[in-house]
Amino acid sequence: MLVYSIIGTISNPNYKMQLIYEIKEHHKKIDCVAWAPNGNWMASASNKDHNIRIWDVSAHDNKVRENTKLTNNLICILKKHTLRISKVQFHTDTILVSASEERSIIIWELTKVQRSA
């Protein structure tokens, strides 16, 4: 997954896009992305492996950094869903809610997760 910053406005034909993050940790396509309200964490979900990855993006403030890879910023992988994840959304900075096609909603308290090695 590539995350870009838009410089200018999209309505202006001269806007520019600059790469800030590159994520290659999911083995299949990424279908859902959510940002924590404080901007420190990002969640990404792959519908093929049914996992959610939580990323620490706090070290990457609002300054654009070209080709910044988040591989070393993986906080954890959340593995409970067994079917397609249809939505991930932060409720607070440390509470993430996910929904999937197995008709389940999981509320993740991220202060209790183990950081990935």
C-alpha atoms as a PDB file:
ATOM      1  CA  MET A   1       0.000   0.000   0.000  1.00  0.00           C
ATOM      2  CA  LEU A   2       1.232   3.446  -0.839  1.00  0.00           C
ATOM      3  CA  VAL A   3       0.091   6.506   1.139  1.00  0.00           C
ATOM      4  CA  TYR A   4       0.471   9.891  -0.498  1.00  0.00           C
ATOM      5  CA  SER A   5       0.250  13.472   0.682  1.00  0.00           C
ATOM      6  CA  ILE A   6      -1.570  15.885  -1.613  1.00  0.00           C
ATOM      7  CA  ILE A   7       0.198  19.194  -1.970  1.00  0.00           C
ATOM      8  CA  GLY A   8      -2.303  21.852  -2.982  1.00  0.00           C
ATOM      9  CA  THR A   9      -5.922  20.964  -3.658  1.00  0.00           C
ATOM     10  CA  ILE A  10      -7.340  18.273  -5.895  1.00  0.00           C
ATOM     11  CA  SER A  11      -9.595  20.839  -7.574  1.00  0.00           C
ATOM     12  CA  ASN A  12      -6.449  22.630  -8.764  1.00  0.00           C
ATOM     13  CA  PRO A  13      -5.093  20.882 -11.873  1.00  0.00           C
ATOM     14  CA  ASN A  14      -1.538  21.628 -10.696  1.00  0.00           C
ATOM     15  CA  TYR A  15      -1.745  19.685  -7.410  1.00  0.00           C
ATOM     16  CA  LYS A  16       1.090  17.269  -6.626  1.00  0.00           C
ATOM     17  CA  MET A  17       1.172  13.963  -4.807  1.00  0.00           C
ATOM     18  CA  GLN A  18       4.178  12.886  -2.794  1.00  0.00           C
ATOM     19  CA  LEU A  19       4.744   9.420  -1.341  1.00  0.00           C
ATOM     20  CA  ILE A  20       4.949   9.362   2.478  1.00  0.00           C
ATOM     21  CA  TYR A  21       4.471   5.710   3.450  1.00  0.00           C
ATOM     22  CA  GLU A  22       4.942   2.363   1.780  1.00  0.00           C
ATOM     23  CA  ILE A  23       3.513  -0.766   3.392  1.00  0.00           C
ATOM     24  CA  LYS A  24       4.430  -4.208   2.090  1.00  0.00           C
ATOM     25  CA  GLU A  25       3.625  -6.349   5.126  1.00  0.00           C
ATOM     26  CA  HIS A  26       0.231  -7.642   3.987  1.00  0.00           C
ATOM     27  CA  HIS A  27       0.570 -10.659   1.742  1.00  0.00           C
ATOM     28  CA  LYS A  28      -2.598  -9.817  -0.169  1.00  0.00           C
ATOM     29  CA  LYS A  29      -4.360  -6.595  -1.122  1.00  0.00           C
ATOM     30  CA  ILE A  30      -5.338  -4.067   1.548  1.00  0.00           C
ATOM     31  CA  ASP A  31      -9.036  -3.260   1.627  1.00  0.00           C
ATOM     32  CA  CYS A  32      -9.576  -1.107   4.735  1.00  0.00           C
ATOM     33  CA  VAL A  33      -7.506   1.644   6.331  1.00  0.00           C
ATOM     34  CA  ALA A  34      -8.208   3.799   9.388  1.00  0.00           C
ATOM     35  CA  TRP A  35      -6.244   6.471  11.237  1.00  0.00           C
ATOM     36  CA  ALA A  36      -6.395   6.999  15.010  1.00  0.00           C
ATOM     37  CA  PRO A  37      -7.796  10.429  15.947  1.00  0.00           C
ATOM     38  CA  ASN A  38      -4.437  11.568  17.329  1.00  0.00           C
ATOM     39  CA  GLY A  39      -2.665  10.530  14.119  1.00  0.00           C
ATOM     40  CA  ASN A  40      -0.206   8.216  15.898  1.00  0.00           C
ATOM     41  CA  TRP A  41      -1.571   4.850  14.733  1.00  0.00           C
ATOM     42  CA  MET A  42      -2.912   3.509  11.473  1.00  0.00           C
ATOM     43  CA  ALA A  43      -4.850   0.269  10.995  1.00  0.00           C
ATOM     44  CA  SER A  44      -4.817  -1.651   7.724  1.00  0.00           C
ATOM     45  CA  ALA A  45      -6.895  -4.745   6.965  1.00  0.00           C
ATOM     46  CA  SER A  46      -6.448  -7.383   4.319  1.00  0.00           C
ATOM     47  CA  ASN A  47      -9.533  -9.300   3.299  1.00  0.00           C
ATOM     48  CA  LYS A  48      -7.488 -12.195   1.976  1.00  0.00           C
ATOM     49  CA  ASP A  49      -5.647 -13.068   5.204  1.00  0.00           C
ATOM     50  CA  HIS A  50      -8.401 -11.654   7.490  1.00  0.00           C
ATOM     51  CA  ASN A  51      -5.808  -9.819   9.607  1.00  0.00           C
ATOM     52  CA  ILE A  52      -5.555  -6.245  10.820  1.00  0.00           C
ATOM     53  CA  ARG A  53      -2.159  -4.642  11.216  1.00  0.00           C
ATOM     54  CA  ILE A  54      -1.601  -1.700  13.541  1.00  0.00           C
ATOM     55  CA  TRP A  55       1.188   0.701  12.579  1.00  0.00           C
ATOM     56  CA  ASP A  56       2.981   3.343  14.630  1.00  0.00           C
ATOM     57  CA  VAL A  57       3.082   6.410  12.399  1.00  0.00           C
ATOM     58  CA  SER A  58       3.867   8.870  15.212  1.00  0.00           C
ATOM     59  CA  ALA A  59       7.503   9.088  14.150  1.00  0.00           C
ATOM     60  CA  HIS A  60       6.245  10.237  10.774  1.00  0.00           C
ATOM     61  CA  ASP A  61       4.729  13.585  11.635  1.00  0.00           C
ATOM     62  CA  ASN A  62       3.081  15.789   9.040  1.00  0.00           C
ATOM     63  CA  LYS A  63       6.353  16.325   7.209  1.00  0.00           C
ATOM     64  CA  VAL A  64       6.414  14.529   3.889  1.00  0.00           C
ATOM     65  CA  ARG A  65       9.114  11.880   3.742  1.00  0.00           C
ATOM     66  CA  GLU A  66       9.672  10.225   0.430  1.00  0.00           C
ATOM     67  CA  ASN A  67       9.863   6.410   0.335  1.00  0.00           C
ATOM     68  CA  THR A  68       9.383   5.949   4.077  1.00  0.00           C
ATOM     69  CA  LYS A  69       8.722   2.268   4.743  1.00  0.00           C
ATOM     70  CA  LEU A  70       6.702   1.300   7.815  1.00  0.00           C
ATOM     71  CA  THR A  71       8.056  -2.244   8.107  1.00  0.00           C
ATOM     72  CA  ASN A  72       9.780  -1.508  11.430  1.00  0.00           C
ATOM     73  CA  ASN A  73       6.757   0.365  12.755  1.00  0.00           C
ATOM     74  CA  LEU A  74       4.412  -2.621  12.988  1.00  0.00           C
ATOM     75  CA  ILE A  75       2.876  -2.645  16.471  1.00  0.00           C
ATOM     76  CA  CYS A  76       0.808  -5.811  16.185  1.00  0.00           C
ATOM     77  CA  ILE A  77      -1.284  -8.093  14.003  1.00  0.00           C
ATOM     78  CA  LEU A  78      -4.870  -8.668  15.129  1.00  0.00           C
ATOM     79  CA  LYS A  79      -6.126 -12.145  14.195  1.00  0.00           C
ATOM     80  CA  LYS A  80      -9.695 -13.046  15.121  1.00  0.00           C
ATOM     81  CA  HIS A  81     -11.764 -12.662  11.955  1.00  0.00           C
ATOM     82  CA  THR A  82     -12.273 -15.679   9.725  1.00  0.00           C
ATOM     83  CA  LEU A  83     -14.006 -13.989   6.763  1.00  0.00           C
ATOM     84  CA  ARG A  84     -13.682 -10.742   4.799  1.00  0.00           C
ATOM     85  CA  ILE A  85     -13.127  -7.636   6.945  1.00  0.00           C
ATOM     86  CA  SER A  86     -15.538  -4.989   5.739  1.00  0.00           C
ATOM     87  CA  LYS A  87     -14.634  -2.081   8.034  1.00  0.00           C
ATOM     88  CA  VAL A  88     -12.021  -0.892  10.520  1.00  0.00           C
ATOM     89  CA  GLN A  89     -12.514   2.327  12.445  1.00  0.00           C
ATOM     90  CA  PHE A  90     -10.920   3.898  15.486  1.00  0.00           C
ATOM     91  CA  HIS A  91     -13.409   4.857  18.196  1.00  0.00           C
ATOM     92  CA  THR A  92     -10.719   6.528  20.316  1.00  0.00           C
ATOM     93  CA  ASP A  93      -6.938   6.643  20.039  1.00  0.00           C
ATOM     94  CA  THR A  94      -6.665   3.142  21.566  1.00  0.00           C
ATOM     95  CA  ILE A  95     -10.024   1.503  20.736  1.00  0.00           C
ATOM     96  CA  LEU A  96     -10.427  -0.011  17.269  1.00  0.00           C
ATOM     97  CA  VAL A  97     -13.663  -1.529  15.980  1.00  0.00           C
ATOM     98  CA  SER A  98     -13.702  -4.033  13.128  1.00  0.00           C
ATOM     99  CA  ALA A  99     -16.572  -5.712  11.311  1.00  0.00           C
ATOM    100  CA  SER A 100     -16.539  -8.718   9.038  1.00  0.00           C
ATOM    101  CA  GLU A 101     -18.738 -10.912   6.901  1.00  0.00           C
ATOM    102  CA  GLU A 102     -18.880 -13.588   9.597  1.00  0.00           C
ATOM    103  CA  ARG A 103     -21.454 -11.243  11.167  1.00  0.00           C
ATOM    104  CA  SER A 104     -19.182 -10.170  13.958  1.00  0.00           C
ATOM    105  CA  ILE A 105     -17.948  -6.889  15.347  1.00  0.00           C
ATOM    106  CA  ILE A 106     -14.799  -6.933  17.435  1.00  0.00           C
ATOM    107  CA  ILE A 107     -13.801  -4.133  19.768  1.00  0.00           C
ATOM    108  CA  TRP A 108     -10.018  -4.143  20.174  1.00  0.00           C
ATOM    109  CA  GLU A 109      -8.463  -2.456  23.198  1.00  0.00           C
ATOM    110  CA  LEU A 110      -5.048  -1.662  21.781  1.00  0.00           C
ATOM    111  CA  THR A 111      -3.454  -0.816  25.129  1.00  0.00           C
ATOM    112  CA  LYS A 112      -3.591  -4.558  25.894  1.00  0.00           C
ATOM    113  CA  VAL A 113      -1.947  -5.905  22.737  1.00  0.00           C
ATOM    114  CA  GLN A 114       1.592  -7.238  22.594  1.00  0.00           C
ATOM    115  CA  ARG A 115       3.953  -5.314  20.337  1.00  0.00           C
ATOM    116  CA  SER A 116       5.240  -7.391  17.384  1.00  0.00           C
ATOM    117  CA  ALA A 117       8.898  -8.329  17.422  1.00  0.00           C
END
